Amino acid sequence: SMDKSWRMVLEGALLEARAGNVNVVRKIFRYLMKHVPWYGPIYLEAARLEERCESYSRALEIVERGLREVPRYGPLWFSFLHLCEKTSPLLDSGDGDGGDGDGDEHGQGEE
């Protein structure tokens, strides 16, 4: 039954991920998210896979789904914040200093 075997399925997914079989792993994670929606680490690992593939919007969708299912799983919140930083156009102003464009990162103005 799935109750007893899902942990082995998750381990298999992680082995497949290390082997680079991304499409297989995506299918396994989809299966696990459907059948074991209450286990936060599944969403976390699925999102990490997508992030390694540079599919940041897909990773963010997975984390958001995980947060709907398991809102008290802390690592998903950290992953959510991290992915928001990576995907937000507001946080990438393009001027290179990562700030508001005035070159003064401490908010002190002229001394």
PDB file of N, CA and C in Angstrom:
ATOM      1  N   SER A   1       0.835  -1.202   0.000  1.00  0.00           N
ATOM      2  CA  SER A   1       0.000   0.000   0.000  1.00  0.00           C
ATOM      3  C   SER A   1       0.867   1.248   0.000  1.00  0.00           C
ATOM      4  N   MET A   2       0.270   2.345  -0.436  1.00  0.00           N
ATOM      5  CA  MET A   2       1.002   3.606  -0.522  1.00  0.00           C
ATOM      6  C   MET A   2       1.429   4.091   0.855  1.00  0.00           C
ATOM      7  N   ASP A   3       0.638   3.780   1.897  1.00  0.00           N
ATOM      8  CA  ASP A   3       0.968   4.216   3.253  1.00  0.00           C
ATOM      9  C   ASP A   3       2.364   3.776   3.669  1.00  0.00           C
ATOM     10  N   LYS A   4       2.743   2.595   3.237  1.00  0.00           N
ATOM     11  CA  LYS A   4       4.027   2.045   3.667  1.00  0.00           C
ATOM     12  C   LYS A   4       5.161   2.310   2.679  1.00  0.00           C
ATOM     13  N   SER A   5       4.837   2.499   1.412  1.00  0.00           N
ATOM     14  CA  SER A   5       5.899   2.527   0.402  1.00  0.00           C
ATOM     15  C   SER A   5       6.308   3.917  -0.063  1.00  0.00           C
ATOM     16  N   TRP A   6       5.575   4.979   0.302  1.00  0.00           N
ATOM     17  CA  TRP A   6       5.862   6.283  -0.286  1.00  0.00           C
ATOM     18  C   TRP A   6       7.239   6.801   0.060  1.00  0.00           C
ATOM     19  N   ARG A   7       7.759   6.452   1.242  1.00  0.00           N
ATOM     20  CA  ARG A   7       9.114   6.914   1.591  1.00  0.00           C
ATOM     21  C   ARG A   7      10.163   6.317   0.643  1.00  0.00           C
ATOM     22  N   MET A   8       9.974   5.048   0.287  1.00  0.00           N
ATOM     23  CA  MET A   8      10.901   4.425  -0.671  1.00  0.00           C
ATOM     24  C   MET A   8      10.759   5.067  -2.043  1.00  0.00           C
ATOM     25  N   VAL A   9       9.544   5.421  -2.414  1.00  0.00           N
ATOM     26  CA  VAL A   9       9.323   6.095  -3.698  1.00  0.00           C
ATOM     27  C   VAL A   9      10.042   7.448  -3.698  1.00  0.00           C
ATOM     28  N   LEU A  10       9.963   8.169  -2.566  1.00  0.00           N
ATOM     29  CA  LEU A  10      10.669   9.454  -2.451  1.00  0.00           C
ATOM     30  C   LEU A  10      12.178   9.255  -2.563  1.00  0.00           C
ATOM     31  N   GLU A  11      12.714   8.245  -1.886  1.00  0.00           N
ATOM     32  CA  GLU A  11      14.158   7.965  -1.995  1.00  0.00           C
ATOM     33  C   GLU A  11      14.541   7.644  -3.436  1.00  0.00           C
ATOM     34  N   GLY A  12      13.685   6.890  -4.123  1.00  0.00           N
ATOM     35  CA  GLY A  12      13.935   6.578  -5.532  1.00  0.00           C
ATOM     36  C   GLY A  12      13.965   7.842  -6.379  1.00  0.00           C
ATOM     37  N   ALA A  13      13.053   8.773  -6.075  1.00  0.00           N
ATOM     38  CA  ALA A  13      13.033  10.042  -6.815  1.00  0.00           C
ATOM     39  C   ALA A  13      14.336  10.800  -6.618  1.00  0.00           C
ATOM     40  N   LEU A  14      14.832  10.818  -5.378  1.00  0.00           N
ATOM     41  CA  LEU A  14      16.081  11.543  -5.102  1.00  0.00           C
ATOM     42  C   LEU A  14      17.257  10.882  -5.813  1.00  0.00           C
ATOM     43  N   LEU A  15      17.265   9.544  -5.885  1.00  0.00           N
ATOM     44  CA  LEU A  15      18.319   8.848  -6.636  1.00  0.00           C
ATOM     45  C   LEU A  15      18.237   9.182  -8.124  1.00  0.00           C
ATOM     46  N   GLU A  16      17.026   9.179  -8.658  1.00  0.00           N
ATOM     47  CA  GLU A  16      16.845   9.531 -10.079  1.00  0.00           C
ATOM     48  C   GLU A  16      17.288  10.972 -10.339  1.00  0.00           C
ATOM     49  N   ALA A  17      17.019  11.865  -9.386  1.00  0.00           N
ATOM     50  CA  ALA A  17      17.432  13.265  -9.544  1.00  0.00           C
ATOM     51  C   ALA A  17      18.956  13.357  -9.613  1.00  0.00           C
ATOM     52  N   ARG A  18      19.625  12.625  -8.726  1.00  0.00           N
ATOM     53  CA  ARG A  18      21.099  12.645  -8.746  1.00  0.00           C
ATOM     54  C   ARG A  18      21.641  12.086 -10.054  1.00  0.00           C
ATOM     55  N   ALA A  19      20.897  11.152 -10.651  1.00  0.00           N
ATOM     56  CA  ALA A  19      21.321  10.564 -11.925  1.00  0.00           C
ATOM     57  C   ALA A  19      20.979  11.468 -13.109  1.00  0.00           C
ATOM     58  N   GLY A  20      20.217  12.541 -12.845  1.00  0.00           N
ATOM     59  CA  GLY A  20      19.895  13.495 -13.907  1.00  0.00           C
ATOM     60  C   GLY A  20      18.656  13.162 -14.718  1.00  0.00           C
ATOM     61  N   ASN A  21      17.833  12.246 -14.235  1.00  0.00           N
ATOM     62  CA  ASN A  21      16.627  11.842 -14.964  1.00  0.00           C
ATOM     63  C   ASN A  21      15.452  12.743 -14.579  1.00  0.00           C
ATOM     64  N   VAL A  22      15.514  13.982 -15.024  1.00  0.00           N
ATOM     65  CA  VAL A  22      14.589  15.017 -14.567  1.00  0.00           C
ATOM     66  C   VAL A  22      13.137  14.690 -14.871  1.00  0.00           C
ATOM     67  N   ASN A  23      12.851  14.222 -16.083  1.00  0.00           N
ATOM     68  CA  ASN A  23      11.452  13.954 -16.441  1.00  0.00           C
ATOM     69  C   ASN A  23      10.855  12.824 -15.611  1.00  0.00           C
ATOM     70  N   VAL A  24      11.656  11.803 -15.323  1.00  0.00           N
ATOM     71  CA  VAL A  24      11.201  10.703 -14.460  1.00  0.00           C
ATOM     72  C   VAL A  24      10.905  11.250 -13.064  1.00  0.00           C
ATOM     73  N   VAL A  25      11.812  12.069 -12.564  1.00  0.00           N
ATOM     74  CA  VAL A  25      11.661  12.609 -11.209  1.00  0.00           C
ATOM     75  C   VAL A  25      10.418  13.487 -11.116  1.00  0.00           C
ATOM     76  N   ARG A  26      10.170  14.296 -12.135  1.00  0.00           N
ATOM     77  CA  ARG A  26       8.968  15.145 -12.125  1.00  0.00           C
ATOM     78  C   ARG A  26       7.706  14.294 -12.005  1.00  0.00           C
ATOM     79  N   LYS A  27       7.667  13.184 -12.745  1.00  0.00           N
ATOM     80  CA  LYS A  27       6.500  12.292 -12.676  1.00  0.00           C
ATOM     81  C   LYS A  27       6.350  11.702 -11.280  1.00  0.00           C
ATOM     82  N   ILE A  28       7.464  11.293 -10.688  1.00  0.00           N
ATOM     83  CA  ILE A  28       7.411  10.705  -9.340  1.00  0.00           C
ATOM     84  C   ILE A  28       6.930  11.748  -8.337  1.00  0.00           C
ATOM     85  N   PHE A  29       7.467  12.962  -8.416  1.00  0.00           N
ATOM     86  CA  PHE A  29       7.044  14.005  -7.478  1.00  0.00           C
ATOM     87  C   PHE A  29       5.565  14.348  -7.654  1.00  0.00           C
ATOM     88  N   ARG A  30       5.091  14.398  -8.911  1.00  0.00           N
ATOM     89  CA  ARG A  30       3.657  14.644  -9.145  1.00  0.00           C
ATOM     90  C   ARG A  30       2.811  13.571  -8.463  1.00  0.00           C
ATOM     91  N   TYR A  31       3.247  12.325  -8.611  1.00  0.00           N
ATOM     92  CA  TYR A  31       2.554  11.193  -7.997  1.00  0.00           C
ATOM     93  C   TYR A  31       2.543  11.343  -6.469  1.00  0.00           C
ATOM     94  N   LEU A  32       3.706  11.663  -5.912  1.00  0.00           N
ATOM     95  CA  LEU A  32       3.802  11.792  -4.452  1.00  0.00           C
ATOM     96  C   LEU A  32       2.982  12.969  -3.929  1.00  0.00           C
ATOM     97  N   MET A  33       3.001  14.101  -4.636  1.00  0.00           N
ATOM     98  CA  MET A  33       2.230  15.265  -4.189  1.00  0.00           C
ATOM     99  C   MET A  33       0.729  14.963  -4.212  1.00  0.00           C
ATOM    100  N   LYS A  34       0.326  14.103  -5.130  1.00  0.00           N
ATOM    101  CA  LYS A  34      -1.091  13.734  -5.205  1.00  0.00           C
ATOM    102  C   LYS A  34      -1.473  12.763  -4.085  1.00  0.00           C
ATOM    103  N   HIS A  35      -0.594  11.797  -3.794  1.00  0.00           N
ATOM    104  CA  HIS A  35      -0.937  10.729  -2.864  1.00  0.00           C
ATOM    105  C   HIS A  35      -0.460  10.953  -1.427  1.00  0.00           C
ATOM    106  N   VAL A  36       0.510  11.833  -1.227  1.00  0.00           N
ATOM    107  CA  VAL A  36       1.015  12.118   0.125  1.00  0.00           C
ATOM    108  C   VAL A  36       1.100  13.644   0.298  1.00  0.00           C
ATOM    109  N   PRO A  37      -0.032  14.344   0.147  1.00  0.00           N
ATOM    110  CA  PRO A  37       0.015  15.809   0.128  1.00  0.00           C
ATOM    111  C   PRO A  37       0.390  16.442   1.470  1.00  0.00           C
ATOM    112  N   TRP A  38       0.347  15.680   2.535  1.00  0.00           N
ATOM    113  CA  TRP A  38       0.595  16.216   3.877  1.00  0.00           C
ATOM    114  C   TRP A  38       2.064  16.206   4.260  1.00  0.00           C
ATOM    115  N   TYR A  39       2.952  15.687   3.390  1.00  0.00           N
ATOM    116  CA  TYR A  39       4.371  15.558   3.742  1.00  0.00           C
ATOM    117  C   TYR A  39       5.182  16.663   3.064  1.00  0.00           C
ATOM    118  N   GLY A  40       5.504  17.722   3.800  1.00  0.00           N
ATOM    119  CA  GLY A  40       6.175  18.904   3.274  1.00  0.00           C
ATOM    120  C   GLY A  40       7.462  18.680   2.501  1.00  0.00           C
ATOM    121  N   PRO A  41       8.348  17.769   2.970  1.00  0.00           N
ATOM    122  CA  PRO A  41       9.615  17.590   2.241  1.00  0.00           C
ATOM    123  C   PRO A  41       9.462  17.189   0.779  1.00  0.00           C
ATOM    124  N   ILE A  42       8.336  16.592   0.398  1.00  0.00           N
ATOM    125  CA  ILE A  42       8.132  16.255  -1.012  1.00  0.00           C
ATOM    126  C   ILE A  42       8.102  17.535  -1.851  1.00  0.00           C
ATOM    127  N   TYR A  43       7.365  18.524  -1.383  1.00  0.00           N
ATOM    128  CA  TYR A  43       7.279  19.790  -2.119  1.00  0.00           C
ATOM    129  C   TYR A  43       8.641  20.483  -2.146  1.00  0.00           C
ATOM    130  N   LEU A  44       9.334  20.420  -1.015  1.00  0.00           N
ATOM    131  CA  LEU A  44      10.645  21.065  -0.920  1.00  0.00           C
ATOM    132  C   LEU A  44      11.625  20.453  -1.924  1.00  0.00           C
ATOM    133  N   GLU A  45      11.666  19.129  -1.976  1.00  0.00           N
ATOM    134  CA  GLU A  45      12.587  18.455  -2.909  1.00  0.00           C
ATOM    135  C   GLU A  45      12.171  18.689  -4.359  1.00  0.00           C
ATOM    136  N   ALA A  46      10.868  18.687  -4.621  1.00  0.00           N
ATOM    137  CA  ALA A  46      10.398  18.943  -5.989  1.00  0.00           C
ATOM    138  C   ALA A  46      10.775  20.355  -6.420  1.00  0.00           C
ATOM    139  N   ALA A  47      10.636  21.310  -5.515  1.00  0.00           N
ATOM    140  CA  ALA A  47      11.004  22.691  -5.831  1.00  0.00           C
ATOM    141  C   ALA A  47      12.510  22.828  -6.034  1.00  0.00           C
ATOM    142  N   ARG A  48      13.291  22.132  -5.224  1.00  0.00           N
ATOM    143  CA  ARG A  48      14.752  22.177  -5.388  1.00  0.00           C
ATOM    144  C   ARG A  48      15.166  21.642  -6.751  1.00  0.00           C
ATOM    145  N   LEU A  49      14.491  20.574  -7.182  1.00  0.00           N
ATOM    146  CA  LEU A  49      14.777  20.026  -8.509  1.00  0.00           C
ATOM    147  C   LEU A  49      14.527  21.085  -9.581  1.00  0.00           C
ATOM    148  N   GLU A  50      13.386  21.748  -9.499  1.00  0.00           N
ATOM    149  CA  GLU A  50      13.057  22.761 -10.503  1.00  0.00           C
ATOM    150  C   GLU A  50      14.023  23.931 -10.439  1.00  0.00           C
ATOM    151  N   GLU A  51      14.453  24.276  -9.241  1.00  0.00           N
ATOM    152  CA  GLU A  51      15.413  25.371  -9.116  1.00  0.00           C
ATOM    153  C   GLU A  51      16.747  24.984  -9.751  1.00  0.00           C
ATOM    154  N   ARG A  52      17.183  23.736  -9.539  1.00  0.00           N
ATOM    155  CA  ARG A  52      18.432  23.277 -10.184  1.00  0.00           C
ATOM    156  C   ARG A  52      18.303  23.308 -11.695  1.00  0.00           C
ATOM    157  N   CYS A  53      17.080  23.105 -12.203  1.00  0.00           N
ATOM    158  CA  CYS A  53      16.830  23.175 -13.656  1.00  0.00           C
ATOM    159  C   CYS A  53      16.583  24.612 -14.111  1.00  0.00           C
ATOM    160  N   GLU A  54      16.685  25.551 -13.185  1.00  0.00           N
ATOM    161  CA  GLU A  54      16.435  26.971 -13.430  1.00  0.00           C
ATOM    162  C   GLU A  54      15.001  27.237 -13.875  1.00  0.00           C
ATOM    163  N   SER A  55      14.074  26.382 -13.465  1.00  0.00           N
ATOM    164  CA  SER A  55      12.637  26.593 -13.708  1.00  0.00           C
ATOM    165  C   SER A  55      12.052  27.238 -12.453  1.00  0.00           C
ATOM    166  N   TYR A  56      12.388  28.498 -12.235  1.00  0.00           N
ATOM    167  CA  TYR A  56      12.040  29.154 -10.973  1.00  0.00           C
ATOM    168  C   TYR A  56      10.531  29.338 -10.800  1.00  0.00           C
ATOM    169  N   SER A  57       9.826  29.644 -11.886  1.00  0.00           N
ATOM    170  CA  SER A  57       8.378  29.833 -11.738  1.00  0.00           C
ATOM    171  C   SER A  57       7.708  28.497 -11.414  1.00  0.00           C
ATOM    172  N   ARG A  58       8.189  27.409 -11.992  1.00  0.00           N
ATOM    173  CA  ARG A  58       7.648  26.084 -11.678  1.00  0.00           C
ATOM    174  C   ARG A  58       7.949  25.736 -10.220  1.00  0.00           C
ATOM    175  N   ALA A  59       9.165  26.050  -9.777  1.00  0.00           N
ATOM    176  CA  ALA A  59       9.534  25.796  -8.377  1.00  0.00           C
ATOM    177  C   ALA A  59       8.621  26.573  -7.435  1.00  0.00           C
ATOM    178  N   LEU A  60       8.355  27.821  -7.784  1.00  0.00           N
ATOM    179  CA  LEU A  60       7.494  28.661  -6.944  1.00  0.00           C
ATOM    180  C   LEU A  60       6.065  28.109  -6.893  1.00  0.00           C
ATOM    181  N   GLU A  61       5.563  27.628  -8.015  1.00  0.00           N
ATOM    182  CA  GLU A  61       4.225  27.017  -8.040  1.00  0.00           C
ATOM    183  C   GLU A  61       4.160  25.809  -7.104  1.00  0.00           C
ATOM    184  N   ILE A  62       5.213  24.988  -7.120  1.00  0.00           N
ATOM    185  CA  ILE A  62       5.245  23.799  -6.265  1.00  0.00           C
ATOM    186  C   ILE A  62       5.263  24.206  -4.796  1.00  0.00           C
ATOM    187  N   VAL A  63       6.084  25.200  -4.459  1.00  0.00           N
ATOM    188  CA  VAL A  63       6.157  25.656  -3.068  1.00  0.00           C
ATOM    189  C   VAL A  63       4.808  26.226  -2.622  1.00  0.00           C
ATOM    190  N   GLU A  64       4.176  27.004  -3.488  1.00  0.00           N
ATOM    191  CA  GLU A  64       2.863  27.571  -3.131  1.00  0.00           C
ATOM    192  C   GLU A  64       1.837  26.467  -2.898  1.00  0.00           C
ATOM    193  N   ARG A  65       1.871  25.454  -3.741  1.00  0.00           N
ATOM    194  CA  ARG A  65       0.969  24.309  -3.552  1.00  0.00           C
ATOM    195  C   ARG A  65       1.260  23.624  -2.215  1.00  0.00           C
ATOM    196  N   GLY A  66       2.547  23.444  -1.921  1.00  0.00           N
ATOM    197  CA  GLY A  66       2.935  22.835  -0.653  1.00  0.00           C
ATOM    198  C   GLY A  66       2.469  23.644   0.542  1.00  0.00           C
ATOM    199  N   LEU A  67       2.559  24.965   0.440  1.00  0.00           N
ATOM    200  CA  LEU A  67       2.132  25.829   1.548  1.00  0.00           C
ATOM    201  C   LEU A  67       0.620  25.759   1.750  1.00  0.00           C
ATOM    202  N   ARG A  68      -0.121  25.557   0.668  1.00  0.00           N
ATOM    203  CA  ARG A  68      -1.571  25.376   0.825  1.00  0.00           C
ATOM    204  C   ARG A  68      -1.875  24.071   1.562  1.00  0.00           C
ATOM    205  N   GLU A  69      -1.093  23.035   1.271  1.00  0.00           N
ATOM    206  CA  GLU A  69      -1.331  21.718   1.880  1.00  0.00           C
ATOM    207  C   GLU A  69      -0.750  21.614   3.296  1.00  0.00           C
ATOM    208  N   VAL A  70       0.451  22.184   3.488  1.00  0.00           N
ATOM    209  CA  VAL A  70       1.169  22.033   4.759  1.00  0.00           C
ATOM    210  C   VAL A  70       1.674  23.410   5.219  1.00  0.00           C
ATOM    211  N   PRO A  71       0.767  24.306   5.601  1.00  0.00           N
ATOM    212  CA  PRO A  71       1.174  25.685   5.902  1.00  0.00           C
ATOM    213  C   PRO A  71       2.122  25.830   7.090  1.00  0.00           C
ATOM    214  N   ARG A  72       2.208  24.819   7.938  1.00  0.00           N
ATOM    215  CA  ARG A  72       3.080  24.928   9.112  1.00  0.00           C
ATOM    216  C   ARG A  72       4.465  24.348   8.892  1.00  0.00           C
ATOM    217  N   TYR A  73       4.773  23.915   7.671  1.00  0.00           N
ATOM    218  CA  TYR A  73       6.097  23.348   7.384  1.00  0.00           C
ATOM    219  C   TYR A  73       7.061  24.488   7.064  1.00  0.00           C
ATOM    220  N   GLY A  74       7.849  24.876   8.057  1.00  0.00           N
ATOM    221  CA  GLY A  74       8.725  26.044   7.980  1.00  0.00           C
ATOM    222  C   GLY A  74       9.660  26.111   6.791  1.00  0.00           C
ATOM    223  N   PRO A  75      10.378  25.012   6.448  1.00  0.00           N
ATOM    224  CA  PRO A  75      11.311  25.092   5.322  1.00  0.00           C
ATOM    225  C   PRO A  75      10.665  25.537   4.009  1.00  0.00           C
ATOM    226  N   LEU A  76       9.377  25.244   3.830  1.00  0.00           N
ATOM    227  CA  LEU A  76       8.705  25.711   2.610  1.00  0.00           C
ATOM    228  C   LEU A  76       8.587  27.231   2.595  1.00  0.00           C
ATOM    229  N   TRP A  77       8.384  27.829   3.768  1.00  0.00           N
ATOM    230  CA  TRP A  77       8.302  29.297   3.818  1.00  0.00           C
ATOM    231  C   TRP A  77       9.640  29.927   3.445  1.00  0.00           C
ATOM    232  N   PHE A  78      10.738  29.336   3.935  1.00  0.00           N
ATOM    233  CA  PHE A  78      12.053  29.861   3.566  1.00  0.00           C
ATOM    234  C   PHE A  78      12.299  29.703   2.076  1.00  0.00           C
ATOM    235  N   SER A  79      11.893  28.558   1.536  1.00  0.00           N
ATOM    236  CA  SER A  79      12.038  28.332   0.100  1.00  0.00           C
ATOM    237  C   SER A  79      11.186  29.327  -0.687  1.00  0.00           C
ATOM    238  N   PHE A  80       9.975  29.596  -0.193  1.00  0.00           N
ATOM    239  CA  PHE A  80       9.088  30.568  -0.834  1.00  0.00           C
ATOM    240  C   PHE A  80       9.750  31.945  -0.906  1.00  0.00           C
ATOM    241  N   LEU A  81      10.302  32.401   0.216  1.00  0.00           N
ATOM    242  CA  LEU A  81      10.962  33.717   0.238  1.00  0.00           C
ATOM    243  C   LEU A  81      12.161  33.750  -0.710  1.00  0.00           C
ATOM    244  N   HIS A  82      12.944  32.679  -0.687  1.00  0.00           N
ATOM    245  CA  HIS A  82      14.121  32.586  -1.557  1.00  0.00           C
ATOM    246  C   HIS A  82      13.716  32.645  -3.033  1.00  0.00           C
ATOM    247  N   LEU A  83      12.658  31.911  -3.398  1.00  0.00           N
ATOM    248  CA  LEU A  83      12.213  31.900  -4.794  1.00  0.00           C
ATOM    249  C   LEU A  83      11.580  33.229  -5.187  1.00  0.00           C
ATOM    250  N   CYS A  84      10.903  33.881  -4.242  1.00  0.00           N
ATOM    251  CA  CYS A  84      10.357  35.211  -4.539  1.00  0.00           C
ATOM    252  C   CYS A  84      11.481  36.184  -4.865  1.00  0.00           C
ATOM    253  N   GLU A  85      12.573  36.085  -4.120  1.00  0.00           N
ATOM    254  CA  GLU A  85      13.731  36.944  -4.414  1.00  0.00           C
ATOM    255  C   GLU A  85      14.266  36.672  -5.812  1.00  0.00           C
ATOM    256  N   LYS A  86      14.317  35.395  -6.182  1.00  0.00           N
ATOM    257  CA  LYS A  86      14.867  35.019  -7.491  1.00  0.00           C
ATOM    258  C   LYS A  86      13.960  35.420  -8.642  1.00  0.00           C
ATOM    259  N   THR A  87      12.638  35.452  -8.403  1.00  0.00           N
ATOM    260  CA  THR A  87      11.707  35.657  -9.509  1.00  0.00           C
ATOM    261  C   THR A  87      11.127  37.062  -9.566  1.00  0.00           C
ATOM    262  N   SER A  88      11.337  37.872  -8.540  1.00  0.00           N
ATOM    263  CA  SER A  88      10.704  39.187  -8.509  1.00  0.00           C
ATOM    264  C   SER A  88      11.458  40.201  -9.350  1.00  0.00           C
ATOM    265  N   PRO A  89      10.789  40.829 -10.327  1.00  0.00           N
ATOM    266  CA  PRO A  89      11.460  41.871 -11.117  1.00  0.00           C
ATOM    267  C   PRO A  89      11.748  43.112 -10.270  1.00  0.00           C
ATOM    268  N   LEU A  90      11.006  43.306  -9.186  1.00  0.00           N
ATOM    269  CA  LEU A  90      11.226  44.474  -8.338  1.00  0.00           C
ATOM    270  C   LEU A  90      12.551  44.411  -7.607  1.00  0.00           C
ATOM    271  N   LEU A  91      13.008  43.198  -7.310  1.00  0.00           N
ATOM    272  CA  LEU A  91      14.247  43.053  -6.557  1.00  0.00           C
ATOM    273  C   LEU A  91      15.474  43.070  -7.446  1.00  0.00           C
ATOM    274  N   ASP A  92      15.287  43.049  -8.748  1.00  0.00           N
ATOM    275  CA  ASP A  92      16.405  43.108  -9.679  1.00  0.00           C
ATOM    276  C   ASP A  92      16.295  44.403 -10.478  1.00  0.00           C
ATOM    277  N   SER A  93      16.861  45.472  -9.925  1.00  0.00           N
ATOM    278  CA  SER A  93      16.722  46.780 -10.564  1.00  0.00           C
ATOM    279  C   SER A  93      17.634  46.929 -11.782  1.00  0.00           C
ATOM    280  N   GLY A  94      18.604  46.020 -11.921  1.00  0.00           N
ATOM    281  CA  GLY A  94      19.449  46.041 -13.099  1.00  0.00           C
ATOM    282  C   GLY A  94      20.597  47.021 -13.026  1.00  0.00           C
ATOM    283  N   ASP A  95      20.719  47.792 -11.918  1.00  0.00           N
ATOM    284  CA  ASP A  95      21.808  48.763 -11.856  1.00  0.00           C
ATOM    285  C   ASP A  95      23.054  48.175 -11.205  1.00  0.00           C
ATOM    286  N   GLY A  96      22.972  46.913 -10.768  1.00  0.00           N
ATOM    287  CA  GLY A  96      24.165  46.242 -10.294  1.00  0.00           C
ATOM    288  C   GLY A  96      24.414  46.373  -8.810  1.00  0.00           C
ATOM    289  N   ASP A  97      23.896  47.422  -8.172  1.00  0.00           N
ATOM    290  CA  ASP A  97      24.197  47.547  -6.745  1.00  0.00           C
ATOM    291  C   ASP A  97      23.098  46.939  -5.873  1.00  0.00           C
ATOM    292  N   GLY A  98      22.014  46.501  -6.476  1.00  0.00           N
ATOM    293  CA  GLY A  98      20.957  45.831  -5.754  1.00  0.00           C
ATOM    294  C   GLY A  98      20.137  46.744  -4.872  1.00  0.00           C
ATOM    295  N   GLY A  99      20.349  48.029  -4.965  1.00  0.00           N
ATOM    296  CA  GLY A  99      19.626  48.959  -4.103  1.00  0.00           C
ATOM    297  C   GLY A  99      18.650  49.811  -4.877  1.00  0.00           C
ATOM    298  N   ASP A 100      18.515  51.047  -4.436  1.00  0.00           N
ATOM    299  CA  ASP A 100      17.531  51.931  -5.064  1.00  0.00           C
ATOM    300  C   ASP A 100      18.123  52.791  -6.165  1.00  0.00           C
ATOM    301  N   GLY A 101      19.392  52.548  -6.477  1.00  0.00           N
ATOM    302  CA  GLY A 101      19.999  53.222  -7.612  1.00  0.00           C
ATOM    303  C   GLY A 101      20.804  54.451  -7.257  1.00  0.00           C
ATOM    304  N   ASP A 102      20.789  54.844  -5.946  1.00  0.00           N
ATOM    305  CA  ASP A 102      21.570  56.043  -5.598  1.00  0.00           C
ATOM    306  C   ASP A 102      22.974  55.687  -5.105  1.00  0.00           C
ATOM    307  N   GLY A 103      23.277  54.403  -5.030  1.00  0.00           N
ATOM    308  CA  GLY A 103      24.621  53.987  -4.633  1.00  0.00           C
ATOM    309  C   GLY A 103      24.837  54.027  -3.134  1.00  0.00           C
ATOM    310  N   ASP A 104      23.877  54.479  -2.376  1.00  0.00           N
ATOM    311  CA  ASP A 104      24.014  54.576  -0.928  1.00  0.00           C
ATOM    312  C   ASP A 104      23.206  53.440  -0.305  1.00  0.00           C
ATOM    313  N   GLU A 105      23.903  52.373   0.083  1.00  0.00           N
ATOM    314  CA  GLU A 105      23.205  51.188   0.560  1.00  0.00           C
ATOM    315  C   GLU A 105      22.787  51.284   2.016  1.00  0.00           C
ATOM    316  N   HIS A 106      23.210  52.307   2.740  1.00  0.00           N
ATOM    317  CA  HIS A 106      22.891  52.380   4.159  1.00  0.00           C
ATOM    318  C   HIS A 106      21.742  53.334   4.449  1.00  0.00           C
ATOM    319  N   GLY A 107      21.242  54.005   3.449  1.00  0.00           N
ATOM    320  CA  GLY A 107      20.111  54.889   3.612  1.00  0.00           C
ATOM    321  C   GLY A 107      20.422  56.157   4.387  1.00  0.00           C
ATOM    322  N   GLN A 108      21.687  56.527   4.443  1.00  0.00           N
ATOM    323  CA  GLN A 108      22.104  57.675   5.252  1.00  0.00           C
ATOM    324  C   GLN A 108      22.129  58.988   4.446  1.00  0.00           C
ATOM    325  N   GLY A 109      22.173  58.877   3.138  1.00  0.00           N
ATOM    326  CA  GLY A 109      22.294  60.093   2.331  1.00  0.00           C
ATOM    327  C   GLY A 109      23.700  60.646   2.398  1.00  0.00           C
ATOM    328  N   GLU A 110      23.857  61.917   2.117  1.00  0.00           N
ATOM    329  CA  GLU A 110      25.182  62.562   2.153  1.00  0.00           C
ATOM    330  C   GLU A 110      25.597  62.805   3.597  1.00  0.00           C
ATOM    331  N   GLU A 111      26.863  62.552   3.887  1.00  0.00           N
ATOM    332  CA  GLU A 111      27.372  62.807   5.260  1.00  0.00           C
ATOM    333  C   GLU A 111      27.960  64.191   5.316  1.00  0.00           C
TER     334      GLU A 111
END
